[in-house]
C-alpha atoms as a PDB file:
ATOM      1  CA  UNK A   1       9.045 -82.326   1.870  1.00  0.00           C
ATOM      2  CA  UNK A   2      12.215 -81.904   3.904  1.00  0.00           C
ATOM      3  CA  UNK A   3      10.251 -81.061   7.011  1.00  0.00           C
ATOM      4  CA  UNK A   4       8.517 -84.447   6.883  1.00  0.00           C
ATOM      5  CA  UNK A   5      11.596 -86.562   6.182  1.00  0.00           C
ATOM      6  CA  UNK A   6      13.990 -85.224   8.771  1.00  0.00           C
ATOM      7  CA  UNK A   7      14.985 -82.010   7.059  1.00  0.00           C
ATOM      8  CA  UNK A   8      17.210 -79.424   8.591  1.00  0.00           C
ATOM      9  CA  UNK A   9      14.614 -78.280  11.119  1.00  0.00           C
ATOM     10  CA  UNK A  10      14.026 -81.863  12.353  1.00  0.00           C
ATOM     11  CA  UNK A  11      17.539 -83.300  12.236  1.00  0.00           C
ATOM     12  CA  UNK A  12      19.094 -84.515  15.491  1.00  0.00           C
ATOM     13  CA  UNK A  13      21.322 -82.007  17.301  1.00  0.00           C
ATOM     14  CA  UNK A  14      25.042 -82.237  16.541  1.00  0.00           C
ATOM     15  CA  UNK A  15      25.887 -81.690  20.250  1.00  0.00           C
ATOM     16  CA  UNK A  16      27.819 -78.406  19.833  1.00  0.00           C
ATOM     17  CA  UNK A  17      25.208 -76.200  21.561  1.00  0.00           C
ATOM     18  CA  UNK A  18      25.235 -78.551  24.551  1.00  0.00           C
ATOM     19  CA  UNK A  19      29.027 -78.360  24.722  1.00  0.00           C
ATOM     20  CA  UNK A  20      28.956 -74.553  24.635  1.00  0.00           C
ATOM     21  CA  UNK A  21      26.273 -74.513  27.316  1.00  0.00           C
ATOM     22  CA  UNK A  22      28.327 -76.898  29.416  1.00  0.00           C
ATOM     23  CA  UNK A  23      31.430 -74.715  29.048  1.00  0.00           C
ATOM     24  CA  UNK A  24      29.508 -71.589  30.031  1.00  0.00           C
ATOM     25  CA  UNK A  25      28.082 -73.332  33.088  1.00  0.00           C
ATOM     26  CA  UNK A  26      31.595 -74.391  34.151  1.00  0.00           C
ATOM     27  CA  UNK A  27      32.837 -70.823  33.741  1.00  0.00           C
ATOM     28  CA  UNK A  28      29.977 -69.362  35.775  1.00  0.00           C
ATOM     29  CA  UNK A  29      30.533 -71.991  38.455  1.00  0.00           C
ATOM     30  CA  UNK A  30      34.249 -71.130  38.619  1.00  0.00           C
ATOM     31  CA  UNK A  31      33.491 -67.408  38.914  1.00  0.00           C
ATOM     32  CA  UNK A  32      30.972 -68.108  41.665  1.00  0.00           C
ATOM     33  CA  UNK A  33      33.538 -70.197  43.558  1.00  0.00           C
ATOM     34  CA  UNK A  34      36.140 -67.425  43.288  1.00  0.00           C
ATOM     35  CA  UNK A  35      33.642 -64.826  44.509  1.00  0.00           C
ATOM     36  CA  UNK A  36      32.713 -67.031  47.445  1.00  0.00           C
ATOM     37  CA  UNK A  37      36.378 -67.528  48.359  1.00  0.00           C
ATOM     38  CA  UNK A  38      37.103 -63.801  48.114  1.00  0.00           C
ATOM     39  CA  UNK A  39      34.023 -63.011  50.196  1.00  0.00           C
ATOM     40  CA  UNK A  40      34.979 -65.571  52.830  1.00  0.00           C
ATOM     41  CA  UNK A  41      38.543 -64.274  52.979  1.00  0.00           C
ATOM     42  CA  UNK A  42      37.317 -60.678  53.259  1.00  0.00           C
ATOM     43  CA  UNK A  43      34.949 -61.645  56.081  1.00  0.00           C
ATOM     44  CA  UNK A  44      37.799 -63.336  57.952  1.00  0.00           C
ATOM     45  CA  UNK A  45      39.984 -60.227  57.556  1.00  0.00           C
ATOM     46  CA  UNK A  46      37.131 -57.968  58.664  1.00  0.00           C
ATOM     47  CA  UNK A  47      36.477 -60.188  61.679  1.00  0.00           C
ATOM     48  CA  UNK A  48      40.113 -60.087  62.774  1.00  0.00           C
ATOM     49  CA  UNK A  49      40.643 -56.397  62.047  1.00  0.00           C
ATOM     50  CA  UNK A  50      37.244 -55.239  63.273  1.00  0.00           C
ATOM     51  CA  UNK A  51      36.601 -53.133  60.162  1.00  0.00           C
ATOM     52  CA  UNK A  52      35.668 -53.310  56.474  1.00  0.00           C
ATOM     53  CA  UNK A  53      39.185 -53.274  55.104  1.00  0.00           C
ATOM     54  CA  UNK A  54      38.360 -52.335  51.500  1.00  0.00           C
ATOM     55  CA  UNK A  55      36.173 -49.400  52.525  1.00  0.00           C
ATOM     56  CA  UNK A  56      38.765 -48.359  55.084  1.00  0.00           C
ATOM     57  CA  UNK A  57      41.520 -48.297  52.449  1.00  0.00           C
ATOM     58  CA  UNK A  58      39.438 -46.260  49.985  1.00  0.00           C
ATOM     59  CA  UNK A  59      38.406 -43.715  52.626  1.00  0.00           C
ATOM     60  CA  UNK A  60      41.995 -43.543  53.865  1.00  0.00           C
ATOM     61  CA  UNK A  61      43.311 -42.843  50.359  1.00  0.00           C
ATOM     62  CA  UNK A  62      40.754 -40.075  49.849  1.00  0.00           C
ATOM     63  CA  UNK A  63      41.628 -38.391  53.147  1.00  0.00           C
ATOM     64  CA  UNK A  64      45.351 -38.882  52.562  1.00  0.00           C
ATOM     65  CA  UNK A  65      45.167 -37.377  49.083  1.00  0.00           C
ATOM     66  CA  UNK A  66      43.348 -34.307  50.374  1.00  0.00           C
ATOM     67  CA  UNK A  67      45.907 -33.953  53.142  1.00  0.00           C
ATOM     68  CA  UNK A  68      48.861 -34.115  50.749  1.00  0.00           C
ATOM     69  CA  UNK A  69      47.374 -31.524  48.425  1.00  0.00           C
ATOM     70  CA  UNK A  70      46.691 -29.115  51.283  1.00  0.00           C
ATOM     71  CA  UNK A  71      50.153 -29.409  52.832  1.00  0.00           C
ATOM     72  CA  UNK A  72      52.385 -29.671  49.773  1.00  0.00           C
ATOM     73  CA  UNK A  73      50.927 -27.042  47.429  1.00  0.00           C
ATOM     74  CA  UNK A  74      49.639 -24.327  49.787  1.00  0.00           C
ATOM     75  CA  UNK A  75      49.598 -24.818  53.520  1.00  0.00           C
ATOM     76  CA  UNK A  76      46.805 -22.236  53.827  1.00  0.00           C
ATOM     77  CA  UNK A  77      44.581 -24.918  52.269  1.00  0.00           C
ATOM     78  CA  UNK A  78      45.254 -27.058  55.312  1.00  0.00           C
ATOM     79  CA  UNK A  79      43.016 -24.684  57.276  1.00  0.00           C
ATOM     80  CA  UNK A  80      40.067 -25.864  55.167  1.00  0.00           C
ATOM     81  CA  UNK A  81      41.031 -29.510  55.595  1.00  0.00           C
ATOM     82  CA  UNK A  82      41.555 -29.085  59.332  1.00  0.00           C
ATOM     83  CA  UNK A  83      38.341 -27.120  59.809  1.00  0.00           C
ATOM     84  CA  UNK A  84      36.266 -29.817  58.110  1.00  0.00           C
ATOM     85  CA  UNK A  85      37.769 -32.519  60.314  1.00  0.00           C
ATOM     86  CA  UNK A  86      37.303 -30.504  63.503  1.00  0.00           C
ATOM     87  CA  UNK A  87      33.694 -29.678  62.607  1.00  0.00           C
ATOM     88  CA  UNK A  88      32.664 -33.269  61.965  1.00  0.00           C
ATOM     89  CA  UNK A  89      34.677 -34.714  64.846  1.00  0.00           C
ATOM     90  CA  UNK A  90      33.441 -32.259  67.472  1.00  0.00           C
ATOM     91  CA  UNK A  91      29.871 -32.572  66.214  1.00  0.00           C
ATOM     92  CA  UNK A  92      29.871 -36.378  66.342  1.00  0.00           C
ATOM     93  CA  UNK A  93      31.422 -36.490  69.831  1.00  0.00           C
ATOM     94  CA  UNK A  94      28.875 -33.943  71.087  1.00  0.00           C
ATOM     95  CA  UNK A  95      26.132 -36.079  69.536  1.00  0.00           C
ATOM     96  CA  UNK A  96      27.511 -39.239  71.148  1.00  0.00           C
ATOM     97  CA  UNK A  97      27.561 -37.527  74.539  1.00  0.00           C
ATOM     98  CA  UNK A  98      23.971 -36.359  74.037  1.00  0.00           C
ATOM     99  CA  UNK A  99      23.023 -39.964  73.288  1.00  0.00           C
ATOM    100  CA  UNK A 100      24.608 -40.885  76.615  1.00  0.00           C
ATOM    101  CA  UNK A 101      22.498 -38.287  78.454  1.00  0.00           C
ATOM    102  CA  UNK A 102      24.773 -35.245  78.452  1.00  0.00           C
ATOM    103  CA  UNK A 103      23.267 -32.196  76.744  1.00  0.00           C
ATOM    104  CA  UNK A 104      26.138 -30.628  74.790  1.00  0.00           C
ATOM    105  CA  UNK A 105      24.994 -27.763  72.513  1.00  0.00           C
ATOM    106  CA  UNK A 106      26.162 -28.654  69.018  1.00  0.00           C
ATOM    107  CA  UNK A 107      25.813 -25.277  67.304  1.00  0.00           C
ATOM    108  CA  UNK A 108      28.331 -23.428  69.534  1.00  0.00           C
ATOM    109  CA  UNK A 109      30.532 -26.536  69.479  1.00  0.00           C
ATOM    110  CA  UNK A 110      30.807 -26.309  65.697  1.00  0.00           C
ATOM    111  CA  UNK A 111      31.251 -22.516  65.796  1.00  0.00           C
ATOM    112  CA  UNK A 112      34.187 -22.938  68.182  1.00  0.00           C
ATOM    113  CA  UNK A 113      35.711 -25.637  65.972  1.00  0.00           C
ATOM    114  CA  UNK A 114      35.650 -23.259  63.015  1.00  0.00           C
ATOM    115  CA  UNK A 115      36.926 -20.246  64.945  1.00  0.00           C
ATOM    116  CA  UNK A 116      40.010 -21.947  66.359  1.00  0.00           C
ATOM    117  CA  UNK A 117      41.432 -22.693  62.903  1.00  0.00           C
ATOM    118  CA  UNK A 118      42.231 -19.131  61.740  1.00  0.00           C
ATOM    119  CA  UNK A 119      42.958 -18.134  65.338  1.00  0.00           C
ATOM    120  CA  UNK A 120      45.671 -20.797  65.568  1.00  0.00           C
ATOM    121  CA  UNK A 121      47.034 -20.259  62.059  1.00  0.00           C
ATOM    122  CA  UNK A 122      47.353 -16.469  62.243  1.00  0.00           C
ATOM    123  CA  UNK A 123      47.396 -15.891  65.996  1.00  0.00           C
ATOM    124  CA  UNK A 124      49.694 -18.862  66.673  1.00  0.00           C
ATOM    125  CA  UNK A 125      49.926 -20.056  70.287  1.00  0.00           C
ATOM    126  CA  UNK A 126      48.188 -16.987  71.748  1.00  0.00           C
ATOM    127  CA  UNK A 127      45.292 -17.271  69.332  1.00  0.00           C
ATOM    128  CA  UNK A 128      45.103 -21.005  69.952  1.00  0.00           C
ATOM    129  CA  UNK A 129      44.697 -20.583  73.700  1.00  0.00           C
ATOM    130  CA  UNK A 130      42.272 -17.649  73.473  1.00  0.00           C
ATOM    131  CA  UNK A 131      40.109 -19.520  70.949  1.00  0.00           C
ATOM    132  CA  UNK A 132      39.994 -22.564  73.216  1.00  0.00           C
ATOM    133  CA  UNK A 133      38.987 -20.567  76.284  1.00  0.00           C
ATOM    134  CA  UNK A 134      36.466 -18.628  74.225  1.00  0.00           C
ATOM    135  CA  UNK A 135      35.013 -21.856  72.872  1.00  0.00           C
ATOM    136  CA  UNK A 136      34.535 -23.310  76.340  1.00  0.00           C
ATOM    137  CA  UNK A 137      32.848 -20.093  77.507  1.00  0.00           C
ATOM    138  CA  UNK A 138      30.595 -19.988  74.428  1.00  0.00           C
ATOM    139  CA  UNK A 139      29.399 -23.572  74.870  1.00  0.00           C
ATOM    140  CA  UNK A 140      28.880 -23.079  78.602  1.00  0.00           C
ATOM    141  CA  UNK A 141      26.937 -19.820  78.230  1.00  0.00           C
ATOM    142  CA  UNK A 142      24.851 -21.328  75.433  1.00  0.00           C
ATOM    143  CA  UNK A 143      23.891 -24.224  77.698  1.00  0.00           C
ATOM    144  CA  UNK A 144      23.069 -21.772  80.477  1.00  0.00           C
ATOM    145  CA  UNK A 145      20.890 -19.720  78.124  1.00  0.00           C
ATOM    146  CA  UNK A 146      18.962 -22.853  77.163  1.00  0.00           C
ATOM    147  CA  UNK A 147      17.794 -23.214  80.752  1.00  0.00           C
ATOM    148  CA  UNK A 148      15.673 -20.069  80.408  1.00  0.00           C
ATOM    149  CA  UNK A 149      12.994 -22.266  78.880  1.00  0.00           C
ATOM    150  CA  UNK A 150      10.971 -24.081  81.578  1.00  0.00           C
ATOM    151  CA  UNK A 151      10.897 -27.201  79.379  1.00  0.00           C
ATOM    152  CA  UNK A 152      14.679 -27.469  79.518  1.00  0.00           C
ATOM    153  CA  UNK A 153      15.147 -27.132  83.262  1.00  0.00           C
ATOM    154  CA  UNK A 154      17.539 -29.675  84.776  1.00  0.00           C
ATOM    155  CA  UNK A 155      19.040 -30.275  88.190  1.00  0.00           C
ATOM    156  CA  UNK A 156      22.168 -28.430  89.228  1.00  0.00           C
ATOM    157  CA  UNK A 157      24.157 -31.668  89.136  1.00  0.00           C
ATOM    158  CA  UNK A 158      23.076 -32.432  85.571  1.00  0.00           C
ATOM    159  CA  UNK A 159      23.784 -28.870  84.500  1.00  0.00           C
ATOM    160  CA  UNK A 160      27.371 -29.020  85.695  1.00  0.00           C
ATOM    161  CA  UNK A 161      27.808 -32.426  84.054  1.00  0.00           C
ATOM    162  CA  UNK A 162      26.637 -30.889  80.785  1.00  0.00           C
ATOM    163  CA  UNK A 163      29.093 -28.013  81.219  1.00  0.00           C
ATOM    164  CA  UNK A 164      31.911 -30.485  81.888  1.00  0.00           C
ATOM    165  CA  UNK A 165      30.945 -32.545  78.828  1.00  0.00           C
ATOM    166  CA  UNK A 166      30.975 -29.461  76.604  1.00  0.00           C
ATOM    167  CA  UNK A 167      34.364 -28.394  77.951  1.00  0.00           C
ATOM    168  CA  UNK A 168      35.633 -31.929  77.352  1.00  0.00           C
ATOM    169  CA  UNK A 169      34.717 -31.767  73.650  1.00  0.00           C
ATOM    170  CA  UNK A 170      36.485 -28.416  73.329  1.00  0.00           C
ATOM    171  CA  UNK A 171      39.593 -29.607  75.157  1.00  0.00           C
ATOM    172  CA  UNK A 172      39.878 -33.089  73.687  1.00  0.00           C
ATOM    173  CA  UNK A 173      38.914 -32.549  70.037  1.00  0.00           C
ATOM    174  CA  UNK A 174      39.122 -28.838  69.253  1.00  0.00           C
ATOM    175  CA  UNK A 175      42.127 -27.851  71.366  1.00  0.00           C
ATOM    176  CA  UNK A 176      44.266 -30.930  70.650  1.00  0.00           C
ATOM    177  CA  UNK A 177      43.242 -31.148  66.996  1.00  0.00           C
ATOM    178  CA  UNK A 178      44.124 -27.496  66.355  1.00  0.00           C
ATOM    179  CA  UNK A 179      47.752 -28.233  67.240  1.00  0.00           C
ATOM    180  CA  UNK A 180      48.085 -29.503  63.670  1.00  0.00           C
ATOM    181  CA  UNK A 181      47.014 -26.043  62.489  1.00  0.00           C
ATOM    182  CA  UNK A 182      49.382 -24.364  64.927  1.00  0.00           C
ATOM    183  CA  UNK A 183      52.295 -26.553  63.796  1.00  0.00           C
ATOM    184  CA  UNK A 184      51.549 -26.071  60.114  1.00  0.00           C
ATOM    185  CA  UNK A 185      51.575 -22.282  60.562  1.00  0.00           C
ATOM    186  CA  UNK A 186      55.208 -22.351  61.727  1.00  0.00           C
ATOM    187  CA  UNK A 187      58.041 -21.803  59.204  1.00  0.00           C
ATOM    188  CA  UNK A 188      58.479 -25.201  57.571  1.00  0.00           C
ATOM    189  CA  UNK A 189      55.909 -26.561  59.980  1.00  0.00           C
ATOM    190  CA  UNK A 190      53.855 -28.192  57.229  1.00  0.00           C
ATOM    191  CA  UNK A 191      56.628 -30.773  56.757  1.00  0.00           C
ATOM    192  CA  UNK A 192      56.613 -31.602  60.453  1.00  0.00           C
ATOM    193  CA  UNK A 193      52.841 -31.965  60.340  1.00  0.00           C
ATOM    194  CA  UNK A 194      53.082 -34.263  57.331  1.00  0.00           C
ATOM    195  CA  UNK A 195      55.929 -36.278  58.865  1.00  0.00           C
ATOM    196  CA  UNK A 196      54.109 -36.767  62.166  1.00  0.00           C
ATOM    197  CA  UNK A 197      50.935 -37.870  60.374  1.00  0.00           C
ATOM    198  CA  UNK A 198      52.886 -40.346  58.236  1.00  0.00           C
ATOM    199  CA  UNK A 199      54.484 -41.810  61.356  1.00  0.00           C
ATOM    200  CA  UNK A 200      51.061 -42.119  63.028  1.00  0.00           C
ATOM    201  CA  UNK A 201      49.721 -43.890  59.938  1.00  0.00           C
ATOM    202  CA  UNK A 202      52.775 -46.167  60.061  1.00  0.00           C
ATOM    203  CA  UNK A 203      51.935 -46.971  63.674  1.00  0.00           C
ATOM    204  CA  UNK A 204      48.407 -47.933  62.652  1.00  0.00           C
ATOM    205  CA  UNK A 205      49.545 -50.026  59.674  1.00  0.00           C
ATOM    206  CA  UNK A 206      52.327 -51.729  61.638  1.00  0.00           C
ATOM    207  CA  UNK A 207      49.977 -52.561  64.497  1.00  0.00           C
ATOM    208  CA  UNK A 208      47.356 -53.910  62.114  1.00  0.00           C
ATOM    209  CA  UNK A 209      49.743 -56.082  60.067  1.00  0.00           C
ATOM    210  CA  UNK A 210      51.570 -57.479  63.075  1.00  0.00           C
ATOM    211  CA  UNK A 211      48.444 -57.888  65.179  1.00  0.00           C
ATOM    212  CA  UNK A 212      46.476 -59.738  62.509  1.00  0.00           C
ATOM    213  CA  UNK A 213      49.305 -62.143  61.747  1.00  0.00           C
ATOM    214  CA  UNK A 214      50.944 -62.651  65.141  1.00  0.00           C
ATOM    215  CA  UNK A 215      48.651 -61.108  67.769  1.00  0.00           C
ATOM    216  CA  UNK A 216      48.084 -63.404  70.759  1.00  0.00           C
ATOM    217  CA  UNK A 217      48.740 -61.474  73.952  1.00  0.00           C
ATOM    218  CA  UNK A 218      46.157 -58.768  74.667  1.00  0.00           C
ATOM    219  CA  UNK A 219      47.454 -55.398  75.776  1.00  0.00           C
ATOM    220  CA  UNK A 220      44.341 -53.960  77.444  1.00  0.00           C
ATOM    221  CA  UNK A 221      41.465 -56.441  77.075  1.00  0.00           C
ATOM    222  CA  UNK A 222      39.040 -54.416  79.197  1.00  0.00           C
ATOM    223  CA  UNK A 223      39.556 -51.303  77.048  1.00  0.00           C
ATOM    224  CA  UNK A 224      40.452 -52.547  73.566  1.00  0.00           C
ATOM    225  CA  UNK A 225      39.960 -56.307  73.071  1.00  0.00           C
ATOM    226  CA  UNK A 226      41.732 -56.390  69.698  1.00  0.00           C
ATOM    227  CA  UNK A 227      44.938 -54.567  70.669  1.00  0.00           C
ATOM    228  CA  UNK A 228      47.867 -56.922  71.315  1.00  0.00           C
ATOM    229  CA  UNK A 229      51.474 -56.609  72.404  1.00  0.00           C
ATOM    230  CA  UNK A 230      52.565 -58.179  69.121  1.00  0.00           C
ATOM    231  CA  UNK A 231      50.680 -55.439  67.308  1.00  0.00           C
ATOM    232  CA  UNK A 232      52.360 -52.834  69.489  1.00  0.00           C
ATOM    233  CA  UNK A 233      55.778 -54.285  68.624  1.00  0.00           C
ATOM    234  CA  UNK A 234      54.939 -54.069  64.924  1.00  0.00           C
ATOM    235  CA  UNK A 235      53.790 -50.476  65.316  1.00  0.00           C
ATOM    236  CA  UNK A 236      57.032 -49.572  67.097  1.00  0.00           C
ATOM    237  CA  UNK A 237      59.197 -51.030  64.326  1.00  0.00           C
ATOM    238  CA  UNK A 238      57.166 -49.264  61.632  1.00  0.00           C
ATOM    239  CA  UNK A 239      57.244 -45.947  63.515  1.00  0.00           C
ATOM    240  CA  UNK A 240      61.016 -46.042  64.072  1.00  0.00           C
ATOM    241  CA  UNK A 241      61.773 -46.885  60.448  1.00  0.00           C
ATOM    242  CA  UNK A 242      59.394 -44.206  59.168  1.00  0.00           C
ATOM    243  CA  UNK A 243      60.739 -41.673  61.677  1.00  0.00           C
ATOM    244  CA  UNK A 244      64.369 -42.139  60.618  1.00  0.00           C
ATOM    245  CA  UNK A 245      63.572 -41.950  56.900  1.00  0.00           C
ATOM    246  CA  UNK A 246      61.395 -38.858  57.321  1.00  0.00           C
ATOM    247  CA  UNK A 247      63.921 -37.116  59.553  1.00  0.00           C
ATOM    248  CA  UNK A 248      66.686 -37.562  56.974  1.00  0.00           C
ATOM    249  CA  UNK A 249      64.827 -36.995  53.713  1.00  0.00           C
ATOM    250  CA  UNK A 250      61.950 -34.675  54.678  1.00  0.00           C
ATOM    251  CA  UNK A 251      62.863 -32.792  57.842  1.00  0.00           C
ATOM    252  CA  UNK A 252      66.599 -32.473  57.147  1.00  0.00           C
ATOM    253  CA  UNK A 253      67.371 -33.671  60.670  1.00  0.00           C
ATOM    254  CA  UNK A 254      69.878 -36.230  62.012  1.00  0.00           C
ATOM    255  CA  UNK A 255      68.766 -39.860  62.001  1.00  0.00           C
ATOM    256  CA  UNK A 256      68.535 -39.960  65.783  1.00  0.00           C
ATOM    257  CA  UNK A 257      65.876 -37.236  65.691  1.00  0.00           C
ATOM    258  CA  UNK A 258      63.852 -39.712  63.653  1.00  0.00           C
ATOM    259  CA  UNK A 259      64.227 -42.288  66.404  1.00  0.00           C
ATOM    260  CA  UNK A 260      62.907 -39.792  68.922  1.00  0.00           C
ATOM    261  CA  UNK A 261      60.059 -38.814  66.608  1.00  0.00           C
ATOM    262  CA  UNK A 262      59.102 -42.448  66.026  1.00  0.00           C
ATOM    263  CA  UNK A 263      59.339 -43.379  69.711  1.00  0.00           C
ATOM    264  CA  UNK A 264      57.220 -40.441  70.828  1.00  0.00           C
ATOM    265  CA  UNK A 265      54.612 -40.973  68.108  1.00  0.00           C
ATOM    266  CA  UNK A 266      54.169 -44.683  68.831  1.00  0.00           C
ATOM    267  CA  UNK A 267      53.532 -43.841  72.496  1.00  0.00           C
ATOM    268  CA  UNK A 268      51.130 -40.942  71.887  1.00  0.00           C
ATOM    269  CA  UNK A 269      49.292 -42.733  69.067  1.00  0.00           C
ATOM    270  CA  UNK A 270      48.774 -45.841  71.181  1.00  0.00           C
ATOM    271  CA  UNK A 271      47.616 -43.830  74.182  1.00  0.00           C
ATOM    272  CA  UNK A 272      45.261 -41.851  71.972  1.00  0.00           C
ATOM    273  CA  UNK A 273      43.773 -45.032  70.558  1.00  0.00           C
ATOM    274  CA  UNK A 274      43.274 -46.501  74.029  1.00  0.00           C
ATOM    275  CA  UNK A 275      41.785 -43.245  75.337  1.00  0.00           C
ATOM    276  CA  UNK A 276      39.174 -43.192  72.582  1.00  0.00           C
ATOM    277  CA  UNK A 277      38.383 -46.873  73.187  1.00  0.00           C
ATOM    278  CA  UNK A 278      37.838 -46.037  76.851  1.00  0.00           C
ATOM    279  CA  UNK A 279      35.453 -43.213  75.884  1.00  0.00           C
ATOM    280  CA  UNK A 280      33.432 -45.538  73.667  1.00  0.00           C
ATOM    281  CA  UNK A 281      33.398 -48.178  76.409  1.00  0.00           C
ATOM    282  CA  UNK A 282      32.050 -45.665  78.924  1.00  0.00           C
ATOM    283  CA  UNK A 283      29.416 -44.487  76.434  1.00  0.00           C
ATOM    284  CA  UNK A 284      28.476 -48.067  75.595  1.00  0.00           C
ATOM    285  CA  UNK A 285      28.986 -47.715  71.824  1.00  0.00           C
ATOM    286  CA  UNK A 286      31.150 -49.500  69.238  1.00  0.00           C
ATOM    287  CA  UNK A 287      31.904 -46.463  67.054  1.00  0.00           C
ATOM    288  CA  UNK A 288      31.492 -42.755  67.714  1.00  0.00           C
ATOM    289  CA  UNK A 289      29.512 -42.592  64.458  1.00  0.00           C
ATOM    290  CA  UNK A 290      29.120 -44.449  61.152  1.00  0.00           C
ATOM    291  CA  UNK A 291      29.941 -41.571  58.824  1.00  0.00           C
ATOM    292  CA  UNK A 292      33.106 -43.169  57.404  1.00  0.00           C
ATOM    293  CA  UNK A 293      32.487 -46.691  56.009  1.00  0.00           C
ATOM    294  CA  UNK A 294      35.115 -49.087  57.330  1.00  0.00           C
ATOM    295  CA  UNK A 295      36.352 -46.549  59.859  1.00  0.00           C
ATOM    296  CA  UNK A 296      33.389 -45.731  62.076  1.00  0.00           C
ATOM    297  CA  UNK A 297      33.525 -42.005  62.754  1.00  0.00           C
ATOM    298  CA  UNK A 298      36.009 -39.197  62.326  1.00  0.00           C
ATOM    299  CA  UNK A 299      37.150 -39.530  65.931  1.00  0.00           C
ATOM    300  CA  UNK A 300      37.820 -43.221  65.311  1.00  0.00           C
ATOM    301  CA  UNK A 301      40.408 -42.094  62.741  1.00  0.00           C
ATOM    302  CA  UNK A 302      41.743 -39.061  64.595  1.00  0.00           C
ATOM    303  CA  UNK A 303      42.094 -40.604  68.051  1.00  0.00           C
ATOM    304  CA  UNK A 304      45.803 -41.353  67.517  1.00  0.00           C
ATOM    305  CA  UNK A 305      46.469 -37.996  65.878  1.00  0.00           C
ATOM    306  CA  UNK A 306      45.064 -35.754  68.616  1.00  0.00           C
ATOM    307  CA  UNK A 307      47.757 -36.337  71.292  1.00  0.00           C
ATOM    308  CA  UNK A 308      50.408 -36.908  68.619  1.00  0.00           C
ATOM    309  CA  UNK A 309      49.804 -33.411  67.237  1.00  0.00           C
ATOM    310  CA  UNK A 310      50.762 -31.917  70.593  1.00  0.00           C
ATOM    311  CA  UNK A 311      53.920 -34.022  70.763  1.00  0.00           C
ATOM    312  CA  UNK A 312      54.895 -33.110  67.186  1.00  0.00           C
ATOM    313  CA  UNK A 313      54.537 -29.408  67.979  1.00  0.00           C
ATOM    314  CA  UNK A 314      56.737 -29.757  71.066  1.00  0.00           C
ATOM    315  CA  UNK A 315      59.385 -31.665  69.068  1.00  0.00           C
ATOM    316  CA  UNK A 316      59.339 -28.913  66.444  1.00  0.00           C
ATOM    317  CA  UNK A 317      60.004 -26.284  69.110  1.00  0.00           C
ATOM    318  CA  UNK A 318      62.887 -28.351  70.480  1.00  0.00           C
ATOM    319  CA  UNK A 319      64.704 -29.257  67.252  1.00  0.00           C
ATOM    320  CA  UNK A 320      63.989 -26.351  64.901  1.00  0.00           C
END
């Protein structure tokens, strides 16, 4: 009879389930608010930095870890690391140029990028130069051979523009990038390679931190609309501090060598960044590719390193 007289199944609710439901709803609402705030903050950071910061950090850590392993434990491994970077970077620049109307053969471009690595590591400066010249000839002859087909006939002007574009990829990416291989092959050169790369990263981090927080005065608005003089000042401070510390504790050099290293790297890294921005502006693209989330393409990450590798090699020859 309990079910007809208000037994347990028909008794009024005590209110506890409603309280638990109310508490859960408050918790879910709080979590949603936090997620919205984090998302809004991340969007603001991405808007000011021009990149997905979280993805950029994760990709950067992965590349940095691979770099450290290759340089610290066996510098021969750096050939693999360097070859992979040169392959992807030369391929994506050749592809970007093809998108812009210049027919750069990608197969010989990649072959040349692979060949210059052992040539520079074992043949040193002589091998480096011969591999570069050979790469330019290979790409040029490949493009010439393509014109045998009637469907691929182009005007003489376009042909020479294609040849120039292919030589540009070899000179800008393959030749300059292989200076890291050439430097690493020298006695103790792996530490100079690592030090120069750390300083370049310090330039990037210093410019980012200072530019985001204090950037007001644009450095080159027609080339790179997000680069500011305040960011450049931050990059200079970071480069000088990193250069002095690395010179003393890693390179076993006087502190003033670190000042020179930092000063040179902040100049070459900045010029490399502006040069790549100018290339993208001329091609009418935002990123060379989208292969690296948060970074754009490989060239977007190596633009500062390419001229800095040459400078680091010259500094090694001077001070060692």
